[in-house]
N, C-alpha and C. Protein backbone atom coordinates (compact mmCIF):
# COMPACT_ATOMS: atom_id res chain seq x y z
N MET A 1 100.25 80.00 109.99
CA MET A 1 99.64 81.94 109.62
C MET A 1 100.93 81.80 108.69
N LYS A 2 100.83 82.85 107.38
CA LYS A 2 101.95 83.63 107.21
C LYS A 2 102.34 84.70 107.57
N ASN A 3 104.08 85.07 107.80
CA ASN A 3 103.57 86.28 108.12
C ASN A 3 103.68 87.29 107.44
N ILE A 4 102.83 88.47 107.82
CA ILE A 4 102.06 89.34 107.97
C ILE A 4 103.12 90.27 107.16
N ILE A 5 104.58 90.67 107.65
CA ILE A 5 105.00 91.51 107.54
C ILE A 5 106.07 91.16 107.03
N GLN A 6 106.55 89.87 106.54
CA GLN A 6 107.56 89.27 105.44
C GLN A 6 107.87 90.26 104.25
N ASN A 7 106.90 90.97 103.65
CA ASN A 7 107.20 91.12 102.50
C ASN A 7 107.29 93.16 102.42
N ILE A 8 107.45 93.31 103.75
CA ILE A 8 107.96 94.44 104.44
C ILE A 8 109.61 94.80 103.58
N ASN A 9 109.37 96.04 103.06
CA ASN A 9 111.48 96.16 102.52
C ASN A 9 111.84 97.12 103.43
N LYS A 10 112.87 96.72 104.22
CA LYS A 10 113.28 96.78 105.36
C LYS A 10 114.64 98.88 104.20
N ALA A 11 114.37 98.34 103.25
CA ALA A 11 115.05 100.09 102.73
C ALA A 11 114.15 101.11 102.49
N PHE A 12 112.75 101.31 103.09
CA PHE A 12 112.04 101.89 102.42
C PHE A 12 111.56 102.14 103.85
N ASP A 13 112.24 101.52 104.54
CA ASP A 13 111.50 101.76 106.62
C ASP A 13 111.91 103.92 107.15
N HIS A 14 112.37 104.31 106.10
CA HIS A 14 113.13 105.38 106.83
C HIS A 14 111.24 106.30 105.90
N ARG A 15 111.22 106.89 106.85
CA ARG A 15 110.25 107.71 105.74
C ARG A 15 111.59 108.72 104.62
N ILE A 16 111.86 109.70 104.51
CA ILE A 16 113.17 109.89 104.22
C ILE A 16 113.42 109.44 102.45
N ARG A 17 113.05 108.09 102.57
CA ARG A 17 113.73 106.76 102.07
C ARG A 17 112.07 106.46 101.08
N LEU A 18 110.91 106.13 101.65
CA LEU A 18 109.47 106.33 102.03
C LEU A 18 109.35 107.23 100.92
N GLY A 19 109.35 108.76 101.32
CA GLY A 19 109.46 110.23 100.48
C GLY A 19 109.94 110.50 98.88
N ILE A 20 110.66 109.70 99.48
CA ILE A 20 112.22 109.69 98.07
C ILE A 20 111.61 108.63 96.89
N MET A 21 111.26 107.53 97.20
CA MET A 21 110.74 106.43 96.46
C MET A 21 108.96 106.91 95.88
N SER A 22 108.33 108.03 97.03
CA SER A 22 106.64 108.19 96.47
C SER A 22 106.76 109.73 95.27
N ILE A 23 108.29 110.22 95.31
CA ILE A 23 108.00 110.99 93.92
C ILE A 23 108.86 110.10 93.25
N LEU A 24 109.08 110.27 93.50
CA LEU A 24 109.21 109.23 92.05
C LEU A 24 108.91 108.00 91.72
N MET A 25 107.71 107.64 91.75
CA MET A 25 106.68 106.68 91.24
C MET A 25 105.82 106.95 90.84
N VAL A 26 105.80 108.69 90.83
CA VAL A 26 104.93 109.55 90.07
C VAL A 26 105.59 110.48 89.03
N ASN A 27 106.17 110.67 89.20
CA ASN A 27 107.46 111.75 88.43
C ASN A 27 108.28 110.95 87.82
N GLU A 28 108.83 110.42 86.04
CA GLU A 28 110.09 110.41 85.76
C GLU A 28 111.17 110.59 86.69
N SER A 29 111.25 112.15 86.76
CA SER A 29 112.16 112.02 87.38
C SER A 29 112.44 113.18 88.30
N ALA A 30 113.23 113.83 89.10
CA ALA A 30 112.89 114.58 90.15
C ALA A 30 114.52 114.76 90.11
N ASP A 31 114.92 116.46 90.71
CA ASP A 31 116.49 117.12 90.87
C ASP A 31 116.46 117.40 92.52
N PHE A 32 118.17 117.35 92.38
CA PHE A 32 117.85 117.71 94.37
C PHE A 32 117.06 117.58 94.66
N ASN A 33 117.02 119.88 94.17
CA ASN A 33 116.30 120.74 95.55
C ASN A 33 114.49 120.30 94.98
N THR A 34 114.20 119.64 93.60
CA THR A 34 112.53 119.40 93.88
C THR A 34 112.34 118.37 95.39
N LEU A 35 113.34 117.78 95.36
CA LEU A 35 113.68 116.69 97.05
C LEU A 35 113.48 117.10 97.90
N LYS A 36 114.48 117.86 97.62
CA LYS A 36 114.56 119.10 99.05
C LYS A 36 113.45 119.26 100.12
N GLU A 37 112.78 120.13 98.55
CA GLU A 37 111.84 120.76 98.92
C GLU A 37 110.62 120.50 99.53
N LEU A 38 110.46 119.71 99.02
CA LEU A 38 109.06 118.69 99.12
C LEU A 38 108.77 117.66 99.97
N LEU A 39 110.83 117.64 99.98
CA LEU A 39 110.60 116.52 101.47
C LEU A 39 110.66 116.98 102.72
N GLY A 40 111.41 118.21 102.33
CA GLY A 40 111.66 119.29 104.29
C GLY A 40 112.50 118.51 104.47
N VAL A 41 114.09 117.81 104.16
CA VAL A 41 114.77 118.05 104.45
C VAL A 41 116.28 118.32 104.30
N THR A 42 117.48 118.38 104.99
CA THR A 42 118.73 118.99 105.19
C THR A 42 119.73 118.52 103.67
N ASP A 43 120.77 119.09 103.11
CA ASP A 43 121.44 118.70 102.05
C ASP A 43 121.54 116.75 102.92
N GLY A 44 122.32 116.66 103.25
CA GLY A 44 123.12 115.67 104.07
C GLY A 44 121.94 114.87 104.91
N ASN A 45 120.62 114.74 104.52
CA ASN A 45 120.09 114.22 104.73
C ASN A 45 119.39 113.43 103.43
N LEU A 46 118.74 114.02 102.54
CA LEU A 46 118.57 114.15 101.55
C LEU A 46 120.13 112.60 100.82
N ALA A 47 121.38 113.51 100.80
CA ALA A 47 122.17 112.82 100.19
C ALA A 47 122.65 111.25 100.70
N SER A 48 122.20 111.36 102.34
CA SER A 48 123.16 109.77 102.84
C SER A 48 121.25 108.96 102.38
N HIS A 49 120.34 109.60 102.41
CA HIS A 49 119.40 108.25 101.29
C HIS A 49 118.85 107.82 100.46
N SER A 50 119.28 109.17 99.87
CA SER A 50 119.80 108.41 98.53
C SER A 50 120.69 107.87 98.30
N LYS A 51 121.57 107.28 98.72
CA LYS A 51 123.14 106.76 98.51
C LYS A 51 122.39 105.86 98.98
N ALA A 52 121.86 105.15 99.93
CA ALA A 52 121.09 103.74 100.77
C ALA A 52 120.40 103.89 99.20
N LEU A 53 119.42 104.16 98.33
CA LEU A 53 118.23 103.18 97.51
C LEU A 53 119.58 103.95 96.88
N GLU A 54 120.15 104.50 95.92
CA GLU A 54 121.09 104.19 95.56
C GLU A 54 122.06 102.65 95.03
N ALA A 55 122.28 102.34 95.93
CA ALA A 55 122.92 100.86 97.15
C ALA A 55 122.19 99.97 96.62
N GLU A 56 120.29 100.22 97.27
CA GLU A 56 120.27 99.09 96.14
C GLU A 56 119.85 98.28 95.56
N ASN A 57 120.18 100.12 94.11
CA ASN A 57 120.01 99.80 92.84
C ASN A 57 117.91 100.47 92.39
N TYR A 58 118.01 100.77 93.65
CA TYR A 58 116.81 101.03 93.56
C TYR A 58 116.04 102.57 92.92
N ILE A 59 117.57 103.90 93.07
CA ILE A 59 117.14 104.63 91.92
C ILE A 59 118.33 104.51 91.60
N LEU A 60 118.74 105.75 90.56
CA LEU A 60 119.58 105.76 89.60
C LEU A 60 119.88 106.97 89.29
N VAL A 61 120.88 107.78 89.94
CA VAL A 61 121.52 108.72 90.02
C VAL A 61 122.09 109.38 88.76
N GLU A 62 121.69 110.43 88.37
CA GLU A 62 122.13 111.30 86.78
C GLU A 62 122.97 112.31 87.66
N LYS A 63 124.31 113.11 87.50
CA LYS A 63 124.79 114.10 87.65
C LYS A 63 125.59 114.24 86.53
N GLN A 64 125.48 115.49 86.45
CA GLN A 64 125.24 116.87 84.81
C GLN A 64 125.59 118.20 85.62
N PHE A 65 125.97 119.37 84.59
CA PHE A 65 126.20 120.44 84.85
C PHE A 65 125.18 120.77 83.61
N ILE A 66 124.56 122.18 84.59
CA ILE A 66 123.42 122.51 83.86
C ILE A 66 124.57 124.57 83.48
N GLY A 67 125.24 124.71 82.77
CA GLY A 67 125.70 125.84 82.68
C GLY A 67 126.86 125.42 83.42
N ARG A 68 127.10 126.41 84.27
CA ARG A 68 127.94 125.95 85.24
C ARG A 68 127.54 125.50 86.88
N LYS A 69 126.42 125.48 87.49
CA LYS A 69 126.16 124.59 88.35
C LYS A 69 125.69 122.99 87.95
N PRO A 70 126.16 122.74 88.94
CA PRO A 70 125.75 121.35 89.44
C PRO A 70 123.87 120.82 89.30
N ASN A 71 124.13 119.99 88.77
CA ASN A 71 122.66 119.26 88.57
C ASN A 71 122.63 117.78 88.88
N THR A 72 122.07 116.96 89.90
CA THR A 72 121.77 116.04 90.33
C THR A 72 120.44 115.51 90.03
N ARG A 73 119.97 114.96 88.90
CA ARG A 73 118.46 114.21 89.30
C ARG A 73 118.75 112.94 89.63
N TYR A 74 117.70 112.58 90.02
CA TYR A 74 117.21 110.57 90.69
C TYR A 74 115.60 110.34 89.24
N LYS A 75 116.03 109.23 89.61
CA LYS A 75 114.66 108.26 88.64
C LYS A 75 115.26 106.73 89.49
N ALA A 76 113.59 106.44 89.85
CA ALA A 76 113.87 105.29 90.23
C ALA A 76 113.90 104.27 89.23
N THR A 77 114.16 103.37 89.23
CA THR A 77 114.09 101.95 88.37
C THR A 77 113.48 101.51 88.65
N PRO A 78 113.65 99.89 87.11
CA PRO A 78 112.58 99.06 86.80
C PRO A 78 112.55 98.42 88.33
N GLU A 79 113.53 98.04 88.97
CA GLU A 79 113.85 97.41 90.14
C GLU A 79 113.54 97.99 91.58
N GLY A 80 113.79 99.16 91.22
CA GLY A 80 113.30 100.08 92.47
C GLY A 80 111.69 99.96 92.94
N ARG A 81 110.66 100.64 91.47
CA ARG A 81 109.66 100.64 91.27
C ARG A 81 108.87 99.26 91.91
N LYS A 82 109.18 98.07 91.28
CA LYS A 82 108.33 96.86 91.93
C LYS A 82 108.84 96.40 93.70
N ALA A 83 109.54 96.58 93.56
CA ALA A 83 110.20 96.86 95.13
C ALA A 83 109.05 98.21 95.44
N PHE A 84 108.56 98.89 95.24
CA PHE A 84 108.03 99.30 96.38
C PHE A 84 107.17 98.78 95.91
N GLN A 85 106.27 98.48 94.58
CA GLN A 85 104.51 98.33 94.66
C GLN A 85 105.50 97.26 95.61
N GLU A 86 105.54 96.34 96.31
CA GLU A 86 105.73 95.27 96.54
C GLU A 86 105.83 95.65 97.62
N HIS A 87 106.61 96.27 97.79
CA HIS A 87 105.97 97.19 99.86
C HIS A 87 105.47 98.05 100.52
N ILE A 88 104.31 98.68 99.39
CA ILE A 88 103.16 98.71 99.68
C ILE A 88 102.10 98.19 99.66
N GLU A 89 101.65 96.81 98.32
CA GLU A 89 101.04 95.66 98.82
C GLU A 89 101.39 95.52 100.65
N ALA A 90 102.32 95.43 100.38
CA ALA A 90 102.85 94.59 101.91
C ALA A 90 101.96 95.17 103.07
N LEU A 91 102.11 96.81 103.22
CA LEU A 91 101.23 97.69 103.94
C LEU A 91 100.07 97.80 104.13
N GLU A 92 99.29 97.12 103.00
CA GLU A 92 97.85 97.43 102.04
C GLU A 92 97.59 95.29 103.25
N LYS A 93 98.20 95.48 102.96
CA LYS A 93 98.02 93.61 103.15
C LYS A 93 98.06 93.53 105.00
N LEU A 94 99.04 94.38 105.62
CA LEU A 94 99.47 94.34 106.89
C LEU A 94 98.02 95.19 107.70
N ILE A 95 97.40 95.95 107.08
CA ILE A 95 96.69 97.15 107.34
C ILE A 95 95.27 96.55 107.31
N SER A 96 95.09 95.67 106.40
CA SER A 96 93.79 95.08 106.32
C SER A 96 93.28 93.75 106.87
N LYS A 97 95.01 93.25 108.18
CA LYS A 97 94.50 92.48 108.68
C LYS A 97 93.92 92.78 110.21
N THR A 98 94.58 94.31 110.12
CA THR A 98 94.32 94.47 111.81
C THR A 98 92.91 95.40 112.17
């Protein structure tokens, strides 16, 4: 029997990373404050988990200034979209096996 958890992606194990990717899969992009509010996390938690996803090349981080205020936007990369879709499919297969 094939290992049913082999396609579960460790990068999405944490609920915050799962939440970030879920939001970015259904939106073209989201800014820092939107993600923070939707996920109910602290600045530090969001920053560290977004850095982990960025290191995997699953999200793109764009920093700019709007007026005098910094603005950070996040987008899922094509690689991130593919990896997340495969992760969700693996979870669905796991659930259907139990």
